N, C-alpha and C. Protein backbone atom coordinates (compact mmCIF):
# COMPACT_ATOMS: atom_id res chain seq x y z
N UNK A 1 -49.02 4.06 -20.98
CA UNK A 1 -48.02 4.09 -22.02
C UNK A 1 -48.44 3.10 -23.10
N UNK A 2 -48.48 3.56 -24.33
CA UNK A 2 -48.89 2.71 -25.45
C UNK A 2 -47.76 1.75 -25.82
N UNK A 3 -48.12 0.73 -26.60
CA UNK A 3 -47.12 -0.27 -27.01
C UNK A 3 -45.99 0.37 -27.81
N UNK A 4 -46.34 1.32 -28.68
CA UNK A 4 -45.29 1.99 -29.47
C UNK A 4 -44.37 2.80 -28.57
N UNK A 5 -44.93 3.43 -27.54
CA UNK A 5 -44.10 4.19 -26.59
C UNK A 5 -43.19 3.26 -25.80
N UNK A 6 -43.73 2.09 -25.42
CA UNK A 6 -42.91 1.10 -24.70
C UNK A 6 -41.73 0.66 -25.55
N UNK A 7 -41.97 0.39 -26.82
CA UNK A 7 -40.90 -0.05 -27.70
C UNK A 7 -39.86 1.06 -27.90
N UNK A 8 -40.35 2.28 -28.11
CA UNK A 8 -39.43 3.40 -28.32
C UNK A 8 -38.58 3.64 -27.07
N UNK A 9 -39.20 3.57 -25.89
CA UNK A 9 -38.43 3.79 -24.67
C UNK A 9 -37.46 2.64 -24.42
N UNK A 10 -37.85 1.43 -24.78
CA UNK A 10 -36.93 0.29 -24.62
C UNK A 10 -35.68 0.50 -25.47
N UNK A 11 -35.84 1.03 -26.68
CA UNK A 11 -34.68 1.31 -27.54
C UNK A 11 -33.83 2.44 -26.94
N UNK A 12 -34.49 3.49 -26.48
CA UNK A 12 -33.77 4.62 -25.87
C UNK A 12 -33.04 4.16 -24.62
N UNK A 13 -33.72 3.35 -23.83
CA UNK A 13 -33.17 2.83 -22.58
C UNK A 13 -31.93 1.98 -22.83
N UNK A 14 -31.95 1.22 -23.92
CA UNK A 14 -30.81 0.36 -24.27
C UNK A 14 -29.56 1.19 -24.60
N UNK A 15 -29.76 2.40 -25.10
CA UNK A 15 -28.61 3.27 -25.42
C UNK A 15 -27.95 3.82 -24.18
N UNK A 16 -28.69 3.89 -23.06
CA UNK A 16 -28.07 4.30 -21.81
C UNK A 16 -28.55 5.64 -21.28
N UNK A 17 -28.47 5.74 -19.98
CA UNK A 17 -28.92 6.93 -19.26
C UNK A 17 -28.06 8.14 -19.58
N UNK A 18 -26.75 7.96 -19.58
CA UNK A 18 -25.87 9.12 -19.77
C UNK A 18 -26.01 9.72 -21.16
N UNK A 19 -26.19 8.87 -22.16
CA UNK A 19 -26.41 9.38 -23.51
C UNK A 19 -27.73 10.15 -23.58
N UNK A 20 -28.77 9.60 -22.95
CA UNK A 20 -30.07 10.28 -22.93
C UNK A 20 -29.96 11.64 -22.26
N UNK A 21 -29.29 11.69 -21.11
CA UNK A 21 -29.14 12.96 -20.39
C UNK A 21 -28.34 13.95 -21.22
N UNK A 22 -27.28 13.48 -21.86
CA UNK A 22 -26.47 14.36 -22.69
C UNK A 22 -27.25 14.90 -23.88
N UNK A 23 -27.90 14.00 -24.62
CA UNK A 23 -28.60 14.41 -25.84
C UNK A 23 -29.89 15.16 -25.53
N UNK A 24 -30.75 14.58 -24.71
CA UNK A 24 -32.06 15.19 -24.45
C UNK A 24 -32.00 16.34 -23.46
N UNK A 25 -31.10 16.27 -22.51
CA UNK A 25 -31.02 17.32 -21.51
C UNK A 25 -30.07 18.43 -21.88
N UNK A 26 -28.80 18.08 -22.01
CA UNK A 26 -27.78 19.11 -22.22
C UNK A 26 -27.86 19.70 -23.63
N UNK A 27 -27.91 18.87 -24.65
CA UNK A 27 -27.89 19.39 -26.02
C UNK A 27 -29.25 19.92 -26.49
N UNK A 28 -30.33 19.22 -26.16
CA UNK A 28 -31.64 19.63 -26.66
C UNK A 28 -32.32 20.68 -25.78
N UNK A 29 -31.95 20.78 -24.51
CA UNK A 29 -32.56 21.77 -23.63
C UNK A 29 -31.54 22.82 -23.16
N UNK A 30 -30.45 22.38 -22.59
CA UNK A 30 -29.48 23.30 -22.01
C UNK A 30 -28.81 24.22 -23.02
N UNK A 31 -28.41 23.68 -24.16
CA UNK A 31 -27.72 24.50 -25.16
C UNK A 31 -28.63 25.57 -25.76
N UNK A 32 -29.85 25.22 -26.21
CA UNK A 32 -30.72 26.30 -26.71
C UNK A 32 -31.05 27.34 -25.65
N UNK A 33 -31.27 26.89 -24.41
CA UNK A 33 -31.56 27.84 -23.35
C UNK A 33 -30.36 28.75 -23.07
N UNK A 34 -29.16 28.20 -23.16
CA UNK A 34 -27.96 29.02 -22.99
C UNK A 34 -27.94 30.15 -24.02
N UNK A 35 -28.17 29.80 -25.29
CA UNK A 35 -28.13 30.82 -26.34
C UNK A 35 -29.25 31.84 -26.17
N UNK A 36 -30.44 31.38 -25.85
CA UNK A 36 -31.56 32.31 -25.67
C UNK A 36 -31.32 33.23 -24.48
N UNK A 37 -30.96 32.66 -23.36
CA UNK A 37 -30.83 33.45 -22.13
C UNK A 37 -29.52 34.23 -22.04
N UNK A 38 -28.56 33.92 -22.91
CA UNK A 38 -27.30 34.66 -22.89
C UNK A 38 -27.26 35.75 -23.95
N UNK A 39 -27.78 35.44 -25.13
CA UNK A 39 -27.64 36.38 -26.24
C UNK A 39 -28.93 37.12 -26.59
N UNK A 40 -30.07 36.52 -26.34
CA UNK A 40 -31.33 37.18 -26.69
C UNK A 40 -31.94 37.91 -25.49
N UNK A 41 -31.85 37.32 -24.31
CA UNK A 41 -32.38 37.92 -23.09
C UNK A 41 -31.26 37.88 -22.05
N UNK A 42 -30.22 38.69 -22.21
CA UNK A 42 -29.06 38.59 -21.31
C UNK A 42 -29.38 39.02 -19.88
N UNK A 43 -28.78 38.31 -18.96
CA UNK A 43 -28.89 38.65 -17.54
C UNK A 43 -27.70 39.54 -17.19
N UNK A 44 -27.94 40.68 -16.56
CA UNK A 44 -26.83 41.61 -16.32
C UNK A 44 -25.76 41.12 -15.36
N UNK A 45 -26.08 40.15 -14.50
CA UNK A 45 -25.09 39.71 -13.51
C UNK A 45 -24.30 38.48 -13.93
N UNK A 46 -24.77 37.73 -14.92
CA UNK A 46 -24.07 36.50 -15.32
C UNK A 46 -23.15 36.77 -16.49
N UNK A 47 -21.91 36.29 -16.36
CA UNK A 47 -21.00 36.33 -17.50
C UNK A 47 -21.34 35.15 -18.41
N UNK A 48 -20.75 35.12 -19.58
CA UNK A 48 -21.02 34.01 -20.50
C UNK A 48 -20.59 32.66 -19.93
N UNK A 49 -19.40 32.54 -19.32
CA UNK A 49 -19.03 31.25 -18.72
C UNK A 49 -19.96 30.84 -17.58
N UNK A 50 -20.39 31.79 -16.76
CA UNK A 50 -21.32 31.46 -15.68
C UNK A 50 -22.66 30.97 -16.24
N UNK A 51 -23.11 31.65 -17.27
CA UNK A 51 -24.37 31.25 -17.91
C UNK A 51 -24.23 29.87 -18.54
N UNK A 52 -23.09 29.59 -19.16
CA UNK A 52 -22.86 28.27 -19.78
C UNK A 52 -22.91 27.17 -18.72
N UNK A 53 -22.26 27.39 -17.58
CA UNK A 53 -22.28 26.39 -16.51
C UNK A 53 -23.69 26.21 -15.95
N UNK A 54 -24.38 27.31 -15.75
CA UNK A 54 -25.74 27.25 -15.24
C UNK A 54 -26.62 26.39 -16.14
N UNK A 55 -26.59 26.64 -17.44
CA UNK A 55 -27.46 25.92 -18.37
C UNK A 55 -26.96 24.51 -18.64
N UNK A 56 -25.67 24.25 -18.49
CA UNK A 56 -25.16 22.89 -18.59
C UNK A 56 -25.75 22.03 -17.48
N UNK A 57 -25.68 22.54 -16.25
CA UNK A 57 -26.21 21.78 -15.12
C UNK A 57 -27.73 21.72 -15.13
N UNK A 58 -28.37 22.80 -15.57
CA UNK A 58 -29.83 22.79 -15.66
C UNK A 58 -30.28 21.77 -16.70
N UNK A 59 -29.60 21.71 -17.84
CA UNK A 59 -29.93 20.74 -18.87
C UNK A 59 -29.72 19.32 -18.40
N UNK A 60 -28.64 19.09 -17.66
CA UNK A 60 -28.38 17.76 -17.12
C UNK A 60 -29.46 17.37 -16.10
N UNK A 61 -29.86 18.30 -15.28
CA UNK A 61 -30.94 18.04 -14.31
C UNK A 61 -32.26 17.75 -15.01
N UNK A 62 -32.54 18.52 -16.05
CA UNK A 62 -33.76 18.29 -16.83
C UNK A 62 -33.73 16.91 -17.49
N UNK A 63 -32.61 16.57 -18.09
CA UNK A 63 -32.47 15.25 -18.72
C UNK A 63 -32.63 14.11 -17.73
N UNK A 64 -32.05 14.26 -16.55
CA UNK A 64 -32.17 13.22 -15.52
C UNK A 64 -33.61 13.11 -15.03
N UNK A 65 -34.29 14.23 -14.86
CA UNK A 65 -35.69 14.20 -14.43
C UNK A 65 -36.55 13.51 -15.49
N UNK A 66 -36.30 13.78 -16.76
CA UNK A 66 -37.06 13.13 -17.83
C UNK A 66 -36.78 11.63 -17.86
N UNK A 67 -35.53 11.25 -17.64
CA UNK A 67 -35.16 9.83 -17.59
C UNK A 67 -35.93 9.13 -16.47
N UNK A 68 -35.91 9.72 -15.29
CA UNK A 68 -36.57 9.11 -14.14
C UNK A 68 -38.08 9.01 -14.36
N UNK A 69 -38.67 10.03 -14.94
CA UNK A 69 -40.11 10.00 -15.20
C UNK A 69 -40.46 8.92 -16.22
N UNK A 70 -39.68 8.83 -17.28
CA UNK A 70 -39.94 7.81 -18.31
C UNK A 70 -39.70 6.41 -17.76
N UNK A 71 -38.69 6.25 -16.93
CA UNK A 71 -38.43 4.94 -16.31
C UNK A 71 -39.60 4.52 -15.43
N UNK A 72 -40.13 5.45 -14.68
CA UNK A 72 -41.28 5.16 -13.82
C UNK A 72 -42.47 4.71 -14.68
N UNK A 73 -42.74 5.47 -15.73
CA UNK A 73 -43.86 5.12 -16.62
C UNK A 73 -43.62 3.78 -17.30
N UNK A 74 -42.39 3.51 -17.71
CA UNK A 74 -42.05 2.25 -18.38
C UNK A 74 -42.23 1.07 -17.44
N UNK A 75 -41.70 1.17 -16.24
CA UNK A 75 -41.79 0.07 -15.29
C UNK A 75 -43.23 -0.20 -14.86
N UNK A 76 -44.01 0.86 -14.79
CA UNK A 76 -45.41 0.71 -14.42
C UNK A 76 -46.22 0.02 -15.53
N UNK A 77 -45.88 0.29 -16.80
CA UNK A 77 -46.66 -0.23 -17.92
C UNK A 77 -46.07 -1.49 -18.53
N UNK A 78 -44.80 -1.78 -18.30
CA UNK A 78 -44.15 -2.93 -18.93
C UNK A 78 -44.76 -4.23 -18.39
N UNK A 79 -44.89 -5.20 -19.27
CA UNK A 79 -45.43 -6.50 -18.81
C UNK A 79 -44.47 -7.14 -17.80
N UNK A 80 -45.05 -7.68 -16.78
CA UNK A 80 -44.24 -8.34 -15.74
C UNK A 80 -43.83 -9.73 -16.22
N UNK A 81 -42.57 -10.07 -15.95
CA UNK A 81 -42.10 -11.39 -16.40
C UNK A 81 -41.99 -12.37 -15.26
């Protein structure tokens, strides 16, 4: 992890995990996937509310996985005090 990446993650980290999961996972991943998979490539068995719940939880899972991966990289590269 480069110094600029460390600084950027430190700022993101300071804002909090839940905000990161909401913004990066649910809004940036789950919401676009909901629209694509519901309106552009509809699944015949899922209703719109079911699809919304599916992509809400999938986005939250994706956001949490990204948080954990970035935390691992940050802790591995951060200078020890």
